[in-house]
C-alpha atoms as a PDB file:
ATOM      1  CA  MET A   1      88.969  76.863  22.652  1.00  0.00           C
ATOM      2  CA  GLN A   2      86.884  79.219  20.864  1.00  0.00           C
ATOM      3  CA  PRO A   3      86.705  82.824  22.315  1.00  0.00           C
ATOM      4  CA  ARG A   4      83.258  83.823  23.723  1.00  0.00           C
ATOM      5  CA  VAL A   5      81.724  87.372  22.733  1.00  0.00           C
ATOM      6  CA  LEU A   6      78.757  88.816  24.377  1.00  0.00           C
ATOM      7  CA  LEU A   7      76.600  91.284  22.138  1.00  0.00           C
ATOM      8  CA  VAL A   8      74.660  94.106  23.431  1.00  0.00           C
ATOM      9  CA  HIS A   9      72.098  95.759  21.354  1.00  0.00           C
ATOM     10  CA  GLY A  10      71.307  99.687  21.154  1.00  0.00           C
ATOM     11  CA  LEU A  11      68.177 101.960  21.817  1.00  0.00           C
ATOM     12  CA  LEU A  12      64.824 100.787  20.727  1.00  0.00           C
ATOM     13  CA  ASN A  13      66.156  97.137  19.658  1.00  0.00           C
ATOM     14  CA  ALA A  14      66.073  93.859  21.207  1.00  0.00           C
ATOM     15  CA  SER A  15      68.845  91.157  21.325  1.00  0.00           C
ATOM     16  CA  TRP A  16      67.511  89.331  18.106  1.00  0.00           C
ATOM     17  CA  TRP A  17      68.387  92.386  16.121  1.00  0.00           C
ATOM     18  CA  LEU A  18      72.239  91.360  16.573  1.00  0.00           C
ATOM     19  CA  LEU A  19      71.657  87.943  15.126  1.00  0.00           C
ATOM     20  CA  PRO A  20      73.082  88.613  11.664  1.00  0.00           C
ATOM     21  CA  LEU A  21      76.270  89.891  13.241  1.00  0.00           C
ATOM     22  CA  ALA A  22      76.422  87.022  15.627  1.00  0.00           C
ATOM     23  CA  LEU A  23      76.331  84.570  12.709  1.00  0.00           C
ATOM     24  CA  ARG A  24      79.207  86.285  11.052  1.00  0.00           C
ATOM     25  CA  LEU A  25      81.267  86.227  14.134  1.00  0.00           C
ATOM     26  CA  ARG A  26      80.602  82.643  14.476  1.00  0.00           C
ATOM     27  CA  LYS A  27      81.912  82.131  10.966  1.00  0.00           C
ATOM     28  CA  GLN A  28      85.037  83.862  12.277  1.00  0.00           C
ATOM     29  CA  GLY A  29      85.421  81.502  15.155  1.00  0.00           C
ATOM     30  CA  PHE A  30      83.773  83.027  18.078  1.00  0.00           C
ATOM     31  CA  VAL A  31      81.109  81.637  20.325  1.00  0.00           C
ATOM     32  CA  THR A  32      78.399  84.366  20.481  1.00  0.00           C
ATOM     33  CA  GLU A  33      75.916  85.351  23.135  1.00  0.00           C
ATOM     34  CA  LEU A  34      73.157  87.893  23.440  1.00  0.00           C
ATOM     35  CA  PHE A  35      72.331  90.277  26.130  1.00  0.00           C
ATOM     36  CA  ASP A  36      68.798  91.674  26.315  1.00  0.00           C
ATOM     37  CA  TYR A  37      67.532  94.584  28.101  1.00  0.00           C
ATOM     38  CA  SER A  38      64.763  97.340  27.677  1.00  0.00           C
ATOM     39  CA  SER A  39      66.387 100.660  26.786  1.00  0.00           C
ATOM     40  CA  LEU A  40      63.297 102.638  27.631  1.00  0.00           C
ATOM     41  CA  ARG A  41      61.936 101.035  30.783  1.00  0.00           C
ATOM     42  CA  GLU A  42      65.130  99.888  32.196  1.00  0.00           C
ATOM     43  CA  GLY A  43      67.908 102.134  30.863  1.00  0.00           C
ATOM     44  CA  PRO A  44      71.437 101.946  32.164  1.00  0.00           C
ATOM     45  CA  GLN A  45      70.459 102.307  35.806  1.00  0.00           C
ATOM     46  CA  ARG A  46      68.468  99.102  35.904  1.00  0.00           C
ATOM     47  CA  ALA A  47      70.034  97.082  32.972  1.00  0.00           C
ATOM     48  CA  LEU A  48      73.685  97.745  34.052  1.00  0.00           C
ATOM     49  CA  PRO A  49      73.654  95.719  37.478  1.00  0.00           C
ATOM     50  CA  ARG A  50      72.048  92.747  35.405  1.00  0.00           C
ATOM     51  CA  LEU A  51      74.796  93.057  32.686  1.00  0.00           C
ATOM     52  CA  ILE A  52      77.600  93.254  35.266  1.00  0.00           C
ATOM     53  CA  GLU A  53      76.189  90.313  37.277  1.00  0.00           C
ATOM     54  CA  ARG A  54      75.993  88.313  33.846  1.00  0.00           C
ATOM     55  CA  LEU A  55      79.836  89.180  33.110  1.00  0.00           C
ATOM     56  CA  HIS A  56      80.805  88.145  36.707  1.00  0.00           C
ATOM     57  CA  ALA A  57      78.869  84.826  36.391  1.00  0.00           C
ATOM     58  CA  GLN A  58      79.971  83.881  32.873  1.00  0.00           C
ATOM     59  CA  PRO A  59      82.833  86.065  31.762  1.00  0.00           C
ATOM     60  CA  PRO A  60      83.187  86.251  28.179  1.00  0.00           C
ATOM     61  CA  ASN A  61      86.680  86.951  26.376  1.00  0.00           C
ATOM     62  CA  ALA A  62      85.306  90.076  24.677  1.00  0.00           C
ATOM     63  CA  LEU A  63      82.195  92.279  24.288  1.00  0.00           C
ATOM     64  CA  VAL A  64      80.521  94.029  21.292  1.00  0.00           C
ATOM     65  CA  GLY A  65      78.028  96.804  21.470  1.00  0.00           C
ATOM     66  CA  HIS A  66      76.031  98.609  18.942  1.00  0.00           C
ATOM     67  CA  SER A  67      74.983 102.187  19.421  1.00  0.00           C
ATOM     68  CA  LEU A  68      73.941 102.724  23.018  1.00  0.00           C
ATOM     69  CA  GLY A  69      75.239  99.005  23.681  1.00  0.00           C
ATOM     70  CA  GLY A  70      78.736 100.368  23.232  1.00  0.00           C
ATOM     71  CA  LEU A  71      78.080 102.886  25.881  1.00  0.00           C
ATOM     72  CA  MET A  72      76.525  99.985  28.120  1.00  0.00           C
ATOM     73  CA  VAL A  73      79.429  97.759  27.845  1.00  0.00           C
ATOM     74  CA  LEU A  74      82.061 100.397  28.653  1.00  0.00           C
ATOM     75  CA  GLU A  75      79.979 101.555  31.562  1.00  0.00           C
ATOM     76  CA  ALA A  76      79.812  97.946  32.931  1.00  0.00           C
ATOM     77  CA  LEU A  77      83.701  97.671  32.621  1.00  0.00           C
ATOM     78  CA  ARG A  78      83.996 101.006  34.282  1.00  0.00           C
ATOM     79  CA  HIS A  79      81.834  99.968  37.154  1.00  0.00           C
ATOM     80  CA  ALA A  80      83.566  96.494  37.358  1.00  0.00           C
ATOM     81  CA  PRO A  81      87.317  97.139  36.375  1.00  0.00           C
ATOM     82  CA  LEU A  82      88.312  93.559  37.414  1.00  0.00           C
ATOM     83  CA  LEU A  83      86.241  91.879  34.806  1.00  0.00           C
ATOM     84  CA  PRO A  84      88.613  89.812  32.806  1.00  0.00           C
ATOM     85  CA  ILE A  85      87.607  91.238  29.545  1.00  0.00           C
ATOM     86  CA  LYS A  86      90.511  91.861  27.097  1.00  0.00           C
ATOM     87  CA  ARG A  87      88.614  93.540  24.049  1.00  0.00           C
ATOM     88  CA  VAL A  88      85.685  95.237  23.111  1.00  0.00           C
ATOM     89  CA  VAL A  89      84.101  96.396  19.745  1.00  0.00           C
ATOM     90  CA  CYS A  90      81.727  99.399  19.678  1.00  0.00           C
ATOM     91  CA  LEU A  91      79.738  99.986  16.467  1.00  0.00           C
ATOM     92  CA  GLY A  92      78.340 103.456  15.585  1.00  0.00           C
ATOM     93  CA  SER A  93      78.385 104.326  19.470  1.00  0.00           C
ATOM     94  CA  PRO A  94      78.128 107.932  20.431  1.00  0.00           C
ATOM     95  CA  LEU A  95      80.985 107.771  23.142  1.00  0.00           C
ATOM     96  CA  LEU A  96      81.154 111.455  23.418  1.00  0.00           C
ATOM     97  CA  GLY A  97      77.328 111.972  23.689  1.00  0.00           C
ATOM     98  CA  SER A  98      74.716 112.145  20.946  1.00  0.00           C
ATOM     99  CA  GLN A  99      73.641 115.472  19.534  1.00  0.00           C
ATOM    100  CA  ILE A 100      70.332 113.840  18.248  1.00  0.00           C
ATOM    101  CA  ALA A 101      69.880 112.631  21.770  1.00  0.00           C
ATOM    102  CA  ARG A 102      70.203 116.126  23.387  1.00  0.00           C
ATOM    103  CA  THR A 103      67.919 117.684  20.594  1.00  0.00           C
ATOM    104  CA  LEU A 104      65.198 114.991  21.226  1.00  0.00           C
ATOM    105  CA  ALA A 105      65.742 115.421  25.328  1.00  0.00           C
ATOM    106  CA  ALA A 106      65.211 119.293  24.923  1.00  0.00           C
ATOM    107  CA  HIS A 107      61.657 118.607  23.486  1.00  0.00           C
ATOM    108  CA  GLY A 108      58.925 117.170  25.313  1.00  0.00           C
ATOM    109  CA  TRP A 109      57.542 114.947  22.532  1.00  0.00           C
ATOM    110  CA  GLY A 110      61.196 113.448  21.802  1.00  0.00           C
ATOM    111  CA  ARG A 111      62.060 112.509  25.322  1.00  0.00           C
ATOM    112  CA  PRO A 112      59.997 109.220  25.397  1.00  0.00           C
ATOM    113  CA  LEU A 113      62.076 108.056  22.536  1.00  0.00           C
ATOM    114  CA  LEU A 114      65.123 108.019  24.692  1.00  0.00           C
ATOM    115  CA  GLY A 115      63.554 106.513  27.790  1.00  0.00           C
ATOM    116  CA  ARG A 116      65.829 105.892  30.900  1.00  0.00           C
ATOM    117  CA  SER A 117      68.835 105.866  28.559  1.00  0.00           C
ATOM    118  CA  ALA A 118      68.302 109.657  27.891  1.00  0.00           C
ATOM    119  CA  THR A 119      71.239 110.793  30.244  1.00  0.00           C
ATOM    120  CA  LEU A 120      73.836 108.342  29.142  1.00  0.00           C
ATOM    121  CA  LEU A 121      73.341 108.883  25.457  1.00  0.00           C
ATOM    122  CA  GLN A 122      73.489 112.655  25.973  1.00  0.00           C
ATOM    123  CA  GLN A 123      76.552 112.726  28.087  1.00  0.00           C
ATOM    124  CA  GLY A 124      78.404 109.820  26.697  1.00  0.00           C
ATOM    125  CA  LEU A 125      82.128 109.199  28.232  1.00  0.00           C
ATOM    126  CA  VAL A 126      84.995 111.593  29.029  1.00  0.00           C
ATOM    127  CA  GLN A 127      87.520 109.036  28.072  1.00  0.00           C
ATOM    128  CA  TRP A 128      88.482 105.436  28.105  1.00  0.00           C
ATOM    129  CA  GLU A 129      91.064 104.440  30.719  1.00  0.00           C
ATOM    130  CA  GLY A 130      89.977 100.755  31.266  1.00  0.00           C
ATOM    131  CA  ALA A 131      92.170  97.700  30.832  1.00  0.00           C
ATOM    132  CA  ALA A 132      90.101  96.273  27.905  1.00  0.00           C
ATOM    133  CA  ALA A 133      91.356  97.454  24.436  1.00  0.00           C
ATOM    134  CA  VAL A 134      88.543  99.234  22.713  1.00  0.00           C
ATOM    135  CA  GLY A 135      87.881  99.590  19.019  1.00  0.00           C
ATOM    136  CA  LEU A 136      85.212 101.464  17.149  1.00  0.00           C
ATOM    137  CA  VAL A 137      83.721 101.023  13.947  1.00  0.00           C
ATOM    138  CA  ALA A 138      81.712 104.025  12.440  1.00  0.00           C
ATOM    139  CA  GLY A 139      79.451 104.244   9.409  1.00  0.00           C
ATOM    140  CA  ASN A 140      79.829 107.072   6.751  1.00  0.00           C
ATOM    141  CA  VAL A 141      76.481 106.616   4.832  1.00  0.00           C
ATOM    142  CA  ALA A 142      74.147 109.393   6.096  1.00  0.00           C
ATOM    143  CA  ARG A 143      71.061 107.364   5.691  1.00  0.00           C
ATOM    144  CA  GLY A 144      68.461 107.713   8.386  1.00  0.00           C
ATOM    145  CA  LEU A 145      65.939 109.915  10.249  1.00  0.00           C
ATOM    146  CA  GLY A 146      68.892 111.755  12.116  1.00  0.00           C
ATOM    147  CA  HIS A 147      68.766 114.460   9.563  1.00  0.00           C
ATOM    148  CA  MET A 148      65.189 115.288  10.521  1.00  0.00           C
ATOM    149  CA  PHE A 149      66.481 116.339  13.811  1.00  0.00           C
ATOM    150  CA  VAL A 150      69.937 117.945  13.557  1.00  0.00           C
ATOM    151  CA  ARG A 151      72.590 118.712  10.955  1.00  0.00           C
ATOM    152  CA  PHE A 152      75.784 116.983  11.275  1.00  0.00           C
ATOM    153  CA  ASP A 153      79.159 118.652  10.695  1.00  0.00           C
ATOM    154  CA  GLY A 154      81.335 116.380   8.939  1.00  0.00           C
ATOM    155  CA  GLY A 155      80.621 112.611   8.149  1.00  0.00           C
ATOM    156  CA  SER A 156      77.821 110.604  10.023  1.00  0.00           C
ATOM    157  CA  ASP A 157      76.002 107.244   9.749  1.00  0.00           C
ATOM    158  CA  GLY A 158      72.816 109.249   9.637  1.00  0.00           C
ATOM    159  CA  THR A 159      72.384 108.989  13.301  1.00  0.00           C
ATOM    160  CA  VAL A 160      75.672 109.312  15.118  1.00  0.00           C
ATOM    161  CA  ALA A 161      78.419 111.719  13.646  1.00  0.00           C
ATOM    162  CA  ILE A 162      81.835 110.158  13.124  1.00  0.00           C
ATOM    163  CA  ALA A 163      83.470 112.910  15.485  1.00  0.00           C
ATOM    164  CA  GLU A 164      81.066 111.422  18.314  1.00  0.00           C
ATOM    165  CA  THR A 165      82.731 108.380  18.154  1.00  0.00           C
ATOM    166  CA  LEU A 166      86.213 109.482  18.444  1.00  0.00           C
ATOM    167  CA  LEU A 167      86.556 108.805  22.322  1.00  0.00           C
ATOM    168  CA  PRO A 168      90.106 109.428  23.808  1.00  0.00           C
ATOM    169  CA  GLY A 169      91.844 106.170  24.841  1.00  0.00           C
ATOM    170  CA  LEU A 170      90.484 103.871  21.964  1.00  0.00           C
ATOM    171  CA  ALA A 171      92.924 101.523  20.720  1.00  0.00           C
ATOM    172  CA  ASP A 172      91.843 101.890  17.270  1.00  0.00           C
ATOM    173  CA  HIS A 173      89.183 103.342  15.132  1.00  0.00           C
ATOM    174  CA  CYS A 174      87.853 102.741  11.499  1.00  0.00           C
ATOM    175  CA  VAL A 175      85.142 103.805   9.265  1.00  0.00           C
ATOM    176  CA  VAL A 176      83.081 101.610   7.044  1.00  0.00           C
ATOM    177  CA  ARG A 177      80.380 102.285   4.304  1.00  0.00           C
ATOM    178  CA  SER A 178      77.543 101.760   6.185  1.00  0.00           C
ATOM    179  CA  SER A 179      74.638 103.617   7.744  1.00  0.00           C
ATOM    180  CA  HIS A 180      73.791 103.425  11.508  1.00  0.00           C
ATOM    181  CA  THR A 181      71.314 100.615  11.429  1.00  0.00           C
ATOM    182  CA  GLY A 182      73.244  98.792   8.544  1.00  0.00           C
ATOM    183  CA  LEU A 183      76.292  98.292  10.848  1.00  0.00           C
ATOM    184  CA  VAL A 184      74.727  95.265  12.470  1.00  0.00           C
ATOM    185  CA  LEU A 185      74.084  93.761   8.975  1.00  0.00           C
ATOM    186  CA  SER A 186      77.331  95.050   7.297  1.00  0.00           C
ATOM    187  CA  ARG A 187      79.705  92.359   5.923  1.00  0.00           C
ATOM    188  CA  ASP A 188      82.629  94.816   6.365  1.00  0.00           C
ATOM    189  CA  ALA A 189      81.678  95.935  10.031  1.00  0.00           C
ATOM    190  CA  ALA A 190      81.525  92.329  10.924  1.00  0.00           C
ATOM    191  CA  ARG A 191      85.053  91.485   9.329  1.00  0.00           C
ATOM    192  CA  GLN A 192      86.508  94.516  11.027  1.00  0.00           C
ATOM    193  CA  THR A 193      84.812  93.431  14.375  1.00  0.00           C
ATOM    194  CA  GLY A 194      86.208  89.784  14.125  1.00  0.00           C
ATOM    195  CA  HIS A 195      89.602  91.225  13.109  1.00  0.00           C
ATOM    196  CA  PHE A 196      89.889  93.264  16.002  1.00  0.00           C
ATOM    197  CA  LEU A 197      88.730  90.697  18.491  1.00  0.00           C
ATOM    198  CA  HIS A 198      91.293  88.281  17.133  1.00  0.00           C
ATOM    199  CA  HIS A 199      94.181  90.840  16.742  1.00  0.00           C
ATOM    200  CA  GLY A 200      93.558  94.125  18.778  1.00  0.00           C
ATOM    201  CA  GLN A 201      93.514  96.228  15.591  1.00  0.00           C
ATOM    202  CA  PHE A 202      91.412  96.723  12.674  1.00  0.00           C
ATOM    203  CA  ALA A 203      92.448  95.471   9.269  1.00  0.00           C
ATOM    204  CA  PRO A 204      93.636  98.464   6.930  1.00  0.00           C
ATOM    205  CA  THR A 205      90.445 100.271   5.832  1.00  0.00           C
ATOM    206  CA  SER A 206      91.561 100.505   2.379  1.00  0.00           C
ATOM    207  CA  GLU A 207      91.246  96.754   2.078  1.00  0.00           C
ATOM    208  CA  HIS A 208      87.684  96.732   3.448  1.00  0.00           C
ATOM    209  CA  THR A 209      85.806 100.104   2.998  1.00  0.00           C
ATOM    210  CA  SER A 210      86.391 100.292  -0.731  1.00  0.00           C
ATOM    211  CA  ARG A 211      84.574  97.039  -1.029  1.00  0.00           C
ATOM    212  CA  ALA A 212      81.759  97.201   1.317  1.00  0.00           C
ATOM    213  CA  ALA A 213      78.173  96.948   0.420  1.00  0.00           C
ATOM    214  CA  ASP A 214      75.778 100.201   0.910  1.00  0.00           C
ATOM    215  CA  VAL A 215      73.261  98.634   3.630  1.00  0.00           C
END
């Protein structure tokens, strides 16, 4: 039986944005499903109960979340620790909190861009202690609007600093050549995601990062 994977999108996106990633995971032997929510109108407070209900009703084998979506799936598992989810991959998720989110929230004009997801994006998580093995794929192509708001110390994907993705308790972490938005389109990110979901660890990055396309 093919393993089932539920994908959760990030801020200001919709589920269809994850279709390229879903297609590449299908080619790696997974059955993929998408969870849709409004990051602005619902935010975690309203969307998490729906996500948890979905996971109880039809538990997948694994979860994949892009950006805010990674925080969402880990929060869902934290609130429902008995769910039989074995593995999780987060793509460019600011698990330690987002500097850009904190900057936007400090300005009246910026807070509407975060909507009801502002608190979770600013605070992130302290560490991961759940039963599921969690892997994080970070990007290192600093392309995007993030530099309009903050100056990152160290590498970033243009929106999230690599340092913001290094949550204590992760099973594995890898960096691919991609921007933040490009992570859902990157062949390398998809290969690494599938490898972790199959094996519980990422492939050696030297085999993938050097060949990754700049998207």
